[in-house]
């Protein structure tokens, strides 16, 4: 498992984390996206799901463990995870 504190821009992540918070929000253009806060023992990280209709997005809630696949990016000086696939962990 890769811990959140070790994430660096450009890394590819495929692991299980706690979904501390989950919200559907709007971009400046009015397009919906999913905003999740991922957590492990080393910290938290914002995750963005740019396609809120992607498979698995409705299958989990806050405080569920989720299996995410994505890429670490930097936005406004902060690390975030651009989530490509997500599903509730078994």
N, C-alpha and C. Protein backbone atom coordinates (compact mmCIF):
# COMPACT_ATOMS: atom_id res chain seq x y z
N UNK A 1 0.84 -1.19 0.00
CA UNK A 1 0.00 0.00 0.00
C UNK A 1 0.88 1.24 0.00
N UNK A 2 0.48 2.20 -0.80
CA UNK A 2 1.18 3.49 -0.81
C UNK A 2 0.44 4.44 0.13
N UNK A 3 1.18 5.04 1.04
CA UNK A 3 0.57 5.97 1.98
C UNK A 3 0.47 7.36 1.36
N UNK A 4 -0.57 8.08 1.75
CA UNK A 4 -0.85 9.40 1.18
C UNK A 4 0.33 10.34 1.35
N UNK A 5 1.01 10.28 2.48
CA UNK A 5 2.14 11.20 2.70
C UNK A 5 3.28 10.99 1.69
N UNK A 6 3.31 9.83 1.02
CA UNK A 6 4.39 9.56 0.07
C UNK A 6 4.01 9.93 -1.37
N UNK A 7 2.78 10.40 -1.58
CA UNK A 7 2.33 10.74 -2.94
C UNK A 7 3.12 11.92 -3.50
N UNK A 8 3.48 11.79 -4.76
CA UNK A 8 4.15 12.86 -5.49
C UNK A 8 3.46 13.04 -6.83
N UNK A 9 3.52 14.25 -7.35
CA UNK A 9 2.87 14.54 -8.63
C UNK A 9 3.37 13.58 -9.71
N UNK A 10 2.43 13.06 -10.50
CA UNK A 10 2.76 12.14 -11.58
C UNK A 10 2.65 10.67 -11.21
N UNK A 11 2.49 10.35 -9.93
CA UNK A 11 2.36 8.96 -9.50
C UNK A 11 1.02 8.39 -9.93
N UNK A 12 1.02 7.10 -10.25
CA UNK A 12 -0.21 6.36 -10.53
C UNK A 12 -0.56 5.58 -9.27
N UNK A 13 -1.82 5.67 -8.84
CA UNK A 13 -2.25 5.04 -7.59
C UNK A 13 -3.35 4.03 -7.88
N UNK A 14 -3.25 2.86 -7.28
CA UNK A 14 -4.30 1.84 -7.35
C UNK A 14 -4.32 1.13 -6.00
N UNK A 15 -5.20 1.62 -5.09
CA UNK A 15 -5.20 1.10 -3.73
C UNK A 15 -6.51 1.39 -3.03
N UNK A 16 -6.62 0.96 -1.78
CA UNK A 16 -7.83 1.12 -0.99
C UNK A 16 -7.60 2.18 0.09
N UNK A 17 -8.55 3.13 0.20
CA UNK A 17 -8.49 4.19 1.19
C UNK A 17 -9.87 4.42 1.79
N UNK A 18 -9.91 5.06 2.94
CA UNK A 18 -11.16 5.44 3.56
C UNK A 18 -11.70 6.67 2.85
N UNK A 19 -12.97 6.66 2.48
CA UNK A 19 -13.63 7.84 1.92
C UNK A 19 -14.18 8.63 3.11
N UNK A 20 -13.46 9.67 3.50
CA UNK A 20 -13.85 10.45 4.67
C UNK A 20 -15.06 11.35 4.36
N UNK A 21 -15.16 11.80 3.12
CA UNK A 21 -16.24 12.70 2.72
C UNK A 21 -16.50 12.51 1.23
N UNK A 22 -17.76 12.66 0.83
CA UNK A 22 -18.14 12.52 -0.59
C UNK A 22 -19.20 13.55 -0.91
N UNK A 23 -18.97 14.33 -1.97
CA UNK A 23 -19.93 15.36 -2.39
C UNK A 23 -19.95 15.44 -3.91
N UNK A 24 -21.10 15.78 -4.45
CA UNK A 24 -21.20 16.14 -5.86
C UNK A 24 -21.22 17.66 -5.92
N UNK A 25 -20.30 18.23 -6.69
CA UNK A 25 -20.18 19.68 -6.78
C UNK A 25 -20.24 20.12 -8.24
N UNK A 26 -20.23 21.43 -8.44
CA UNK A 26 -20.30 21.99 -9.79
C UNK A 26 -19.02 22.76 -10.11
N UNK A 27 -18.55 22.59 -11.37
CA UNK A 27 -17.42 23.39 -11.84
C UNK A 27 -17.92 24.81 -12.12
N UNK A 28 -17.01 25.70 -12.43
CA UNK A 28 -17.39 27.07 -12.79
C UNK A 28 -18.32 27.09 -14.01
N UNK A 29 -18.20 26.07 -14.85
CA UNK A 29 -19.03 25.97 -16.06
C UNK A 29 -20.37 25.30 -15.79
N UNK A 30 -20.61 24.87 -14.54
CA UNK A 30 -21.87 24.24 -14.20
C UNK A 30 -21.91 22.73 -14.42
N UNK A 31 -20.75 22.13 -14.69
CA UNK A 31 -20.69 20.68 -14.90
C UNK A 31 -20.45 19.98 -13.57
N UNK A 32 -21.18 18.89 -13.32
CA UNK A 32 -21.03 18.15 -12.07
C UNK A 32 -19.73 17.33 -12.03
N UNK A 33 -19.17 17.21 -10.83
CA UNK A 33 -18.04 16.31 -10.60
C UNK A 33 -18.12 15.82 -9.16
N UNK A 34 -17.47 14.69 -8.91
CA UNK A 34 -17.44 14.14 -7.56
C UNK A 34 -16.21 14.61 -6.82
N UNK A 35 -16.41 15.03 -5.59
CA UNK A 35 -15.30 15.45 -4.74
C UNK A 35 -15.27 14.53 -3.53
N UNK A 36 -14.18 13.80 -3.34
CA UNK A 36 -14.04 12.91 -2.20
C UNK A 36 -12.78 13.27 -1.43
N UNK A 37 -12.81 13.01 -0.15
CA UNK A 37 -11.61 13.17 0.69
C UNK A 37 -11.18 11.76 1.09
N UNK A 38 -9.98 11.39 0.68
CA UNK A 38 -9.42 10.08 0.99
C UNK A 38 -8.55 10.20 2.23
N UNK A 39 -8.54 9.15 3.05
CA UNK A 39 -7.75 9.19 4.27
C UNK A 39 -7.09 7.85 4.53
N UNK A 40 -5.87 7.91 5.05
CA UNK A 40 -5.19 6.74 5.62
C UNK A 40 -4.50 7.21 6.90
N UNK A 41 -3.66 6.38 7.49
CA UNK A 41 -3.06 6.75 8.77
C UNK A 41 -2.07 7.90 8.68
N UNK A 42 -1.67 8.26 7.44
CA UNK A 42 -0.67 9.32 7.28
C UNK A 42 -1.27 10.67 6.90
N UNK A 43 -2.57 10.71 6.59
CA UNK A 43 -3.16 11.99 6.23
C UNK A 43 -4.37 11.87 5.33
N UNK A 44 -4.74 13.02 4.74
CA UNK A 44 -5.90 13.08 3.84
C UNK A 44 -5.48 13.68 2.50
N UNK A 45 -6.31 13.44 1.49
CA UNK A 45 -6.06 13.94 0.14
C UNK A 45 -7.39 14.13 -0.57
N UNK A 46 -7.54 15.25 -1.27
CA UNK A 46 -8.73 15.47 -2.10
C UNK A 46 -8.64 14.61 -3.35
N UNK A 47 -9.76 14.02 -3.71
CA UNK A 47 -9.86 13.25 -4.95
C UNK A 47 -10.97 13.82 -5.80
N UNK A 48 -10.74 13.90 -7.08
CA UNK A 48 -11.73 14.44 -8.02
C UNK A 48 -12.15 13.36 -9.00
N UNK A 49 -13.47 13.21 -9.16
CA UNK A 49 -14.04 12.29 -10.13
C UNK A 49 -14.72 13.16 -11.18
N UNK A 50 -14.04 13.38 -12.30
CA UNK A 50 -14.53 14.33 -13.28
C UNK A 50 -15.72 13.81 -14.07
N UNK A 51 -15.93 12.50 -14.07
CA UNK A 51 -17.12 11.93 -14.71
C UNK A 51 -18.00 11.33 -13.62
N UNK A 52 -18.97 12.11 -13.08
CA UNK A 52 -19.79 11.62 -11.97
C UNK A 52 -20.73 10.48 -12.36
N UNK A 53 -20.82 10.16 -13.65
CA UNK A 53 -21.64 9.04 -14.10
C UNK A 53 -20.81 7.77 -14.25
N UNK A 54 -19.54 7.83 -13.83
CA UNK A 54 -18.67 6.67 -13.98
C UNK A 54 -19.15 5.52 -13.10
N UNK A 55 -18.87 4.33 -13.56
CA UNK A 55 -19.29 3.11 -12.87
C UNK A 55 -18.74 3.07 -11.45
N UNK A 56 -19.60 2.80 -10.48
CA UNK A 56 -19.18 2.64 -9.10
C UNK A 56 -19.35 3.85 -8.22
N UNK A 57 -19.56 5.03 -8.80
CA UNK A 57 -19.63 6.25 -8.01
C UNK A 57 -20.82 6.25 -7.05
N UNK A 58 -21.92 5.63 -7.43
CA UNK A 58 -23.11 5.60 -6.57
C UNK A 58 -23.08 4.45 -5.58
N UNK A 59 -22.08 3.59 -5.66
CA UNK A 59 -22.05 2.37 -4.84
C UNK A 59 -21.34 2.54 -3.51
N UNK A 60 -20.89 3.75 -3.19
CA UNK A 60 -20.21 3.96 -1.91
C UNK A 60 -20.63 5.29 -1.30
N UNK A 61 -20.43 5.39 -0.01
CA UNK A 61 -20.75 6.61 0.73
C UNK A 61 -19.57 7.01 1.60
N UNK A 62 -19.69 8.14 2.26
CA UNK A 62 -18.67 8.57 3.21
C UNK A 62 -18.50 7.49 4.28
N UNK A 63 -17.28 7.29 4.72
CA UNK A 63 -16.87 6.32 5.73
C UNK A 63 -16.82 4.89 5.22
N UNK A 64 -16.96 4.70 3.90
CA UNK A 64 -16.72 3.40 3.28
C UNK A 64 -15.26 3.34 2.85
N UNK A 65 -14.72 2.13 2.80
CA UNK A 65 -13.40 1.94 2.20
C UNK A 65 -13.62 1.74 0.70
N UNK A 66 -12.84 2.48 -0.10
CA UNK A 66 -13.01 2.42 -1.55
C UNK A 66 -11.69 2.08 -2.24
N UNK A 67 -11.82 1.37 -3.33
CA UNK A 67 -10.69 0.99 -4.18
C UNK A 67 -10.62 2.02 -5.30
N UNK A 68 -9.56 2.81 -5.33
CA UNK A 68 -9.44 3.87 -6.32
C UNK A 68 -8.26 3.63 -7.26
N UNK A 69 -8.42 4.08 -8.49
CA UNK A 69 -7.36 4.08 -9.48
C UNK A 69 -7.30 5.49 -10.04
N UNK A 70 -6.12 6.10 -9.99
CA UNK A 70 -6.00 7.46 -10.49
C UNK A 70 -4.58 7.94 -10.52
N UNK A 71 -4.45 9.23 -10.86
CA UNK A 71 -3.14 9.86 -10.98
C UNK A 71 -3.05 11.05 -10.04
N UNK A 72 -1.91 11.20 -9.39
CA UNK A 72 -1.68 12.32 -8.49
C UNK A 72 -1.30 13.55 -9.32
N UNK A 73 -2.02 14.64 -9.08
CA UNK A 73 -1.74 15.90 -9.76
C UNK A 73 -1.60 16.99 -8.70
N UNK A 74 -1.14 18.14 -9.14
CA UNK A 74 -1.04 19.29 -8.26
C UNK A 74 -1.95 20.38 -8.81
N UNK A 75 -2.77 20.98 -7.93
CA UNK A 75 -3.65 22.06 -8.33
C UNK A 75 -3.62 23.13 -7.25
N UNK A 76 -3.30 24.34 -7.64
CA UNK A 76 -3.21 25.48 -6.72
C UNK A 76 -2.29 25.17 -5.54
N UNK A 77 -1.19 24.47 -5.82
CA UNK A 77 -0.19 24.20 -4.82
C UNK A 77 -0.49 23.03 -3.89
N UNK A 78 -1.59 22.33 -4.15
CA UNK A 78 -1.95 21.20 -3.29
C UNK A 78 -2.08 19.93 -4.13
N UNK A 79 -1.68 18.81 -3.54
CA UNK A 79 -1.82 17.52 -4.22
C UNK A 79 -3.29 17.08 -4.23
N UNK A 80 -3.68 16.45 -5.32
CA UNK A 80 -5.00 15.84 -5.39
C UNK A 80 -4.92 14.61 -6.27
N UNK A 81 -5.92 13.76 -6.18
CA UNK A 81 -5.96 12.54 -6.97
C UNK A 81 -7.04 12.67 -8.03
N UNK A 82 -6.64 12.55 -9.29
CA UNK A 82 -7.58 12.55 -10.41
C UNK A 82 -8.04 11.10 -10.57
N UNK A 83 -9.23 10.79 -10.08
CA UNK A 83 -9.72 9.41 -10.00
C UNK A 83 -10.31 8.96 -11.33
N UNK A 84 -9.77 7.87 -11.86
CA UNK A 84 -10.25 7.30 -13.12
C UNK A 84 -11.31 6.22 -12.89
N UNK A 85 -11.09 5.39 -11.83
CA UNK A 85 -12.03 4.31 -11.49
C UNK A 85 -12.17 4.26 -9.98
N UNK A 86 -13.37 3.95 -9.52
CA UNK A 86 -13.60 3.84 -8.09
C UNK A 86 -14.71 2.82 -7.83
N UNK A 87 -14.56 2.06 -6.75
CA UNK A 87 -15.61 1.14 -6.34
C UNK A 87 -15.45 0.87 -4.86
N UNK A 88 -16.55 0.44 -4.24
CA UNK A 88 -16.51 0.11 -2.82
C UNK A 88 -15.64 -1.13 -2.65
N UNK A 89 -14.76 -1.08 -1.66
CA UNK A 89 -13.87 -2.23 -1.42
C UNK A 89 -14.65 -3.38 -0.80
N UNK A 90 -14.26 -4.58 -1.15
CA UNK A 90 -14.94 -5.78 -0.62
C UNK A 90 -14.57 -6.03 0.83
